[in-house]
N, C-alpha and C. Protein backbone atom coordinates (compact mmCIF):
# COMPACT_ATOMS: atom_id res chain seq x y z
N MET A 1 -21.98 3.97 -11.03
CA MET A 1 -21.38 3.90 -10.08
C MET A 1 -20.42 2.87 -9.76
N SER A 2 -19.04 3.23 -9.87
CA SER A 2 -18.44 1.96 -9.75
C SER A 2 -17.60 2.14 -8.04
N LYS A 3 -17.81 0.98 -7.85
CA LYS A 3 -17.31 0.63 -6.33
C LYS A 3 -15.49 0.21 -6.28
N LEU A 4 -14.92 1.35 -5.63
CA LEU A 4 -13.65 1.30 -4.92
C LEU A 4 -13.23 -0.23 -4.49
N CYS A 5 -12.24 -0.72 -5.23
CA CYS A 5 -11.51 -2.49 -4.67
C CYS A 5 -10.65 -1.98 -3.77
N ILE A 6 -10.33 -2.37 -2.82
CA ILE A 6 -9.27 -1.98 -1.65
C ILE A 6 -8.62 -3.45 -1.62
N GLY A 7 -7.16 -3.63 -1.77
CA GLY A 7 -6.79 -4.65 -1.53
C GLY A 7 -6.46 -5.18 -0.17
N LYS A 8 -7.06 -6.55 -0.11
CA LYS A 8 -6.96 -7.29 1.25
C LYS A 8 -6.08 -8.58 1.30
N VAL A 9 -5.31 -8.96 2.45
CA VAL A 9 -4.71 -10.25 2.42
C VAL A 9 -5.44 -10.90 3.67
N TYR A 10 -5.76 -12.26 3.56
CA TYR A 10 -6.38 -12.75 4.89
C TYR A 10 -5.53 -13.63 5.19
N ARG A 11 -5.80 -14.09 6.57
CA ARG A 11 -5.10 -15.40 7.15
C ARG A 11 -6.01 -16.21 7.70
N PHE A 12 -5.70 -17.39 7.31
CA PHE A 12 -6.64 -18.77 7.63
C PHE A 12 -5.83 -19.51 8.78
N ASP A 13 -6.26 -19.81 9.94
CA ASP A 13 -5.70 -20.61 10.79
C ASP A 13 -6.06 -22.05 10.74
N GLY A 14 -6.92 -22.65 10.00
CA GLY A 14 -7.43 -23.71 9.83
C GLY A 14 -9.04 -23.79 10.28
N SER A 15 -9.37 -22.89 10.92
CA SER A 15 -10.73 -22.82 11.33
C SER A 15 -11.24 -21.34 11.37
N SER A 16 -10.63 -20.38 11.18
CA SER A 16 -11.48 -19.04 10.89
C SER A 16 -10.60 -17.98 10.14
N LEU A 17 -11.16 -17.34 9.15
CA LEU A 17 -10.74 -16.19 8.14
C LEU A 17 -10.75 -15.29 8.77
N LYS A 18 -9.42 -14.53 8.92
CA LYS A 18 -9.50 -13.22 9.50
C LYS A 18 -8.61 -12.23 8.69
N GLU A 19 -8.99 -11.04 8.58
CA GLU A 19 -8.20 -9.86 7.52
C GLU A 19 -6.98 -9.33 8.19
N ALA A 20 -5.69 -9.81 7.51
CA ALA A 20 -4.50 -9.67 8.22
C ALA A 20 -3.78 -8.31 7.45
N PHE A 21 -4.08 -7.98 6.50
CA PHE A 21 -3.75 -6.84 5.85
C PHE A 21 -4.76 -6.19 4.99
N THR A 22 -4.86 -4.70 5.15
CA THR A 22 -5.72 -3.89 3.93
C THR A 22 -5.06 -2.71 3.50
N GLY A 23 -5.70 -2.33 2.31
CA GLY A 23 -5.31 -1.17 1.85
C GLY A 23 -4.19 -1.31 0.84
N ILE A 24 -3.76 -2.63 0.66
CA ILE A 24 -2.67 -2.80 -0.29
C ILE A 24 -3.06 -2.80 -1.84
N GLY A 25 -3.12 -1.20 -2.26
CA GLY A 25 -3.48 -1.00 -3.43
C GLY A 25 -4.80 -1.25 -3.75
N GLN A 26 -5.39 -1.62 -5.03
CA GLN A 26 -6.71 -2.12 -5.06
C GLN A 26 -7.09 -3.24 -5.54
N LYS A 27 -6.20 -4.07 -5.74
CA LYS A 27 -6.40 -5.41 -6.28
C LYS A 27 -5.21 -6.09 -5.80
N VAL A 28 -4.88 -7.51 -5.18
CA VAL A 28 -3.98 -8.04 -5.08
C VAL A 28 -3.95 -9.36 -5.90
N TYR A 29 -2.90 -9.26 -6.92
CA TYR A 29 -2.88 -10.51 -7.77
C TYR A 29 -2.16 -11.71 -7.54
N GLY A 30 -1.07 -11.55 -6.35
CA GLY A 30 -0.09 -12.66 -6.07
C GLY A 30 0.57 -12.48 -5.08
N LEU A 31 1.11 -13.54 -4.29
CA LEU A 31 1.50 -13.60 -2.75
C LEU A 31 2.56 -14.18 -2.84
N ALA A 32 3.66 -14.15 -2.45
CA ALA A 32 4.98 -15.14 -2.21
C ALA A 32 5.50 -14.64 -0.83
N GLY A 33 5.85 -15.79 -0.31
CA GLY A 33 6.48 -15.92 0.99
C GLY A 33 8.03 -15.79 0.71
N SER A 34 8.94 -15.19 1.85
CA SER A 34 10.40 -15.09 1.57
C SER A 34 10.98 -16.03 2.58
N GLY A 35 10.50 -16.80 3.32
CA GLY A 35 10.89 -17.59 4.42
C GLY A 35 11.66 -16.76 5.67
N SER A 36 11.49 -15.58 5.55
CA SER A 36 12.26 -14.56 6.70
C SER A 36 10.99 -13.96 7.23
N LYS A 37 10.25 -14.24 7.62
CA LYS A 37 8.71 -13.70 8.20
C LYS A 37 8.38 -12.43 7.46
N ASN A 38 8.36 -12.65 5.96
CA ASN A 38 7.51 -11.58 5.22
C ASN A 38 6.89 -12.21 3.96
N LEU A 39 5.95 -11.33 3.79
CA LEU A 39 5.06 -11.78 2.59
C LEU A 39 4.91 -10.88 1.61
N PHE A 40 5.48 -10.77 0.43
CA PHE A 40 5.06 -10.04 -0.66
C PHE A 40 3.98 -10.21 -1.60
N ALA A 41 3.68 -8.93 -1.86
CA ALA A 41 2.04 -8.81 -2.31
C ALA A 41 2.15 -7.82 -3.99
N ALA A 42 1.83 -8.59 -4.99
CA ALA A 42 1.82 -8.16 -6.35
C ALA A 42 0.52 -7.50 -6.43
N THR A 43 0.54 -6.07 -6.85
CA THR A 43 -0.89 -5.59 -7.00
C THR A 43 -0.91 -4.89 -8.70
N GLY A 44 -2.21 -4.80 -8.85
CA GLY A 44 -2.41 -4.49 -10.29
C GLY A 44 -2.83 -3.26 -10.47
N GLU A 45 -3.22 -2.10 -9.80
CA GLU A 45 -3.58 -0.99 -10.39
C GLU A 45 -2.37 0.21 -10.47
N ASN A 46 -1.53 -0.29 -9.73
CA ASN A 46 -0.31 0.80 -10.42
C ASN A 46 1.16 0.19 -10.24
N GLY A 47 1.05 -1.28 -10.07
CA GLY A 47 2.13 -2.03 -10.60
C GLY A 47 3.37 -2.19 -9.61
N SER A 48 2.79 -2.40 -8.08
CA SER A 48 3.52 -2.18 -6.82
C SER A 48 3.68 -3.54 -6.33
N VAL A 49 5.04 -3.69 -5.55
CA VAL A 49 5.22 -4.88 -4.69
C VAL A 49 5.22 -4.50 -3.38
N TYR A 50 4.47 -5.01 -2.44
CA TYR A 50 4.40 -4.59 -1.07
C TYR A 50 5.03 -5.39 -0.48
N ARG A 51 5.85 -5.35 0.78
CA ARG A 51 6.34 -6.27 1.64
C ARG A 51 5.64 -5.90 2.90
N LEU A 52 4.98 -7.35 3.21
CA LEU A 52 4.24 -7.08 4.64
C LEU A 52 4.77 -8.14 5.34
N ASP A 53 4.73 -7.82 6.60
CA ASP A 53 5.59 -8.48 7.82
C ASP A 53 4.77 -9.08 8.79
N VAL A 54 5.14 -9.74 9.94
CA VAL A 54 4.50 -10.44 10.85
C VAL A 54 3.73 -9.68 11.83
N VAL A 55 4.47 -8.33 12.19
CA VAL A 55 3.85 -7.32 13.01
C VAL A 55 2.50 -6.50 12.28
N GLY A 56 2.49 -6.85 10.87
CA GLY A 56 1.60 -5.76 10.28
C GLY A 56 1.97 -4.75 9.74
N ASN A 57 3.25 -4.19 9.46
CA ASN A 57 3.79 -3.35 8.67
C ASN A 57 3.58 -3.79 7.20
N ILE A 58 3.53 -2.64 6.30
CA ILE A 58 3.48 -2.72 5.18
C ILE A 58 4.29 -1.68 4.49
N SER A 59 4.91 -2.39 3.39
CA SER A 59 6.05 -1.09 2.84
C SER A 59 6.00 -1.36 1.33
N THR A 60 5.94 -0.51 0.54
CA THR A 60 6.12 -0.50 -0.72
C THR A 60 7.57 -0.91 -1.16
N ILE A 61 7.70 -1.84 -1.95
CA ILE A 61 9.50 -2.16 -2.19
C ILE A 61 9.65 -1.56 -3.36
N ILE A 62 8.77 -1.94 -4.35
CA ILE A 62 9.28 -1.63 -5.78
C ILE A 62 7.97 -0.83 -6.35
N HIS A 63 7.97 -0.35 -7.42
CA HIS A 63 6.81 0.67 -8.52
C HIS A 63 7.38 0.17 -9.59
N VAL A 64 6.39 -0.14 -10.44
CA VAL A 64 6.93 -0.57 -12.00
C VAL A 64 6.27 0.34 -12.94
N ASP A 65 6.81 1.53 -13.47
CA ASP A 65 6.41 2.26 -14.35
C ASP A 65 5.61 1.78 -15.57
N THR A 66 6.32 0.97 -15.93
CA THR A 66 6.09 0.49 -17.45
C THR A 66 4.94 -0.49 -17.45
N ASP A 67 4.60 -1.28 -16.39
CA ASP A 67 3.84 -2.30 -16.40
C ASP A 67 2.87 -1.93 -15.15
N THR A 68 1.56 -1.63 -15.25
CA THR A 68 0.52 -1.73 -14.30
C THR A 68 -0.07 -2.74 -13.74
N GLN A 69 -0.16 -3.70 -14.59
CA GLN A 69 -0.88 -5.29 -13.66
C GLN A 69 0.41 -6.08 -13.35
N LEU A 70 0.69 -6.14 -12.17
CA LEU A 70 1.74 -7.05 -11.87
C LEU A 70 0.69 -8.37 -11.33
N THR A 71 0.66 -9.43 -12.18
CA THR A 71 -0.33 -10.45 -11.72
C THR A 71 0.20 -11.73 -11.30
N SER A 72 1.37 -11.55 -10.87
CA SER A 72 2.02 -13.04 -10.25
C SER A 72 3.32 -12.44 -9.59
N ILE A 73 3.70 -13.29 -8.67
CA ILE A 73 4.94 -13.06 -7.94
C ILE A 73 5.61 -14.51 -7.58
N GLY A 74 6.96 -14.46 -7.47
CA GLY A 74 7.59 -15.75 -7.07
C GLY A 74 8.83 -15.16 -6.07
N SER A 75 9.39 -16.34 -5.15
CA SER A 75 10.40 -15.75 -4.26
C SER A 75 11.41 -17.08 -4.39
N PHE A 76 12.37 -16.67 -3.89
CA PHE A 76 13.29 -17.91 -3.68
C PHE A 76 14.49 -17.26 -2.63
N ILE A 77 14.73 -18.05 -1.77
CA ILE A 77 16.12 -17.63 -1.23
C ILE A 77 17.71 -18.14 -1.69
N PHE A 78 18.75 -17.10 -1.74
CA PHE A 78 19.88 -17.66 -2.06
C PHE A 78 20.62 -17.01 -1.46
N ASP A 79 21.83 -17.47 -0.69
CA ASP A 79 22.98 -17.32 0.30
C ASP A 79 22.17 -16.56 1.27
N ASN A 80 21.29 -17.09 1.90
CA ASN A 80 20.46 -16.45 3.13
C ASN A 80 19.77 -15.16 2.77
N LYS A 81 19.78 -14.84 1.54
CA LYS A 81 18.94 -13.33 1.04
C LYS A 81 17.48 -13.86 0.22
N PRO A 82 16.53 -13.21 0.45
CA PRO A 82 15.28 -13.24 0.02
C PRO A 82 15.43 -12.75 -1.45
N TYR A 83 14.89 -13.23 -2.68
CA TYR A 83 14.67 -12.49 -3.56
C TYR A 83 13.10 -12.84 -4.23
N ILE A 84 12.88 -11.65 -5.05
CA ILE A 84 11.43 -11.78 -5.60
C ILE A 84 11.64 -11.63 -7.32
N PHE A 85 10.85 -12.19 -7.74
CA PHE A 85 11.07 -12.10 -9.14
C PHE A 85 9.41 -12.03 -9.91
């Protein structure tokens, strides 16, 4: 019997570890900050990138049909706009 993995992101404040987001696909392989209070998560079971905000909202911003394993992500800000790659 296989156990279903649920993607989670944790927050560490220097002394305690707390769950910040859950249900982000099955596995979270990469995280990148945008500098605009958003965190981007690359997931592996269906090739999706999620935007996570500081108040706890999760939104799918891209789904890649040709690659089901997004194992890394990066970000940068250009002209005051966040970009991910």
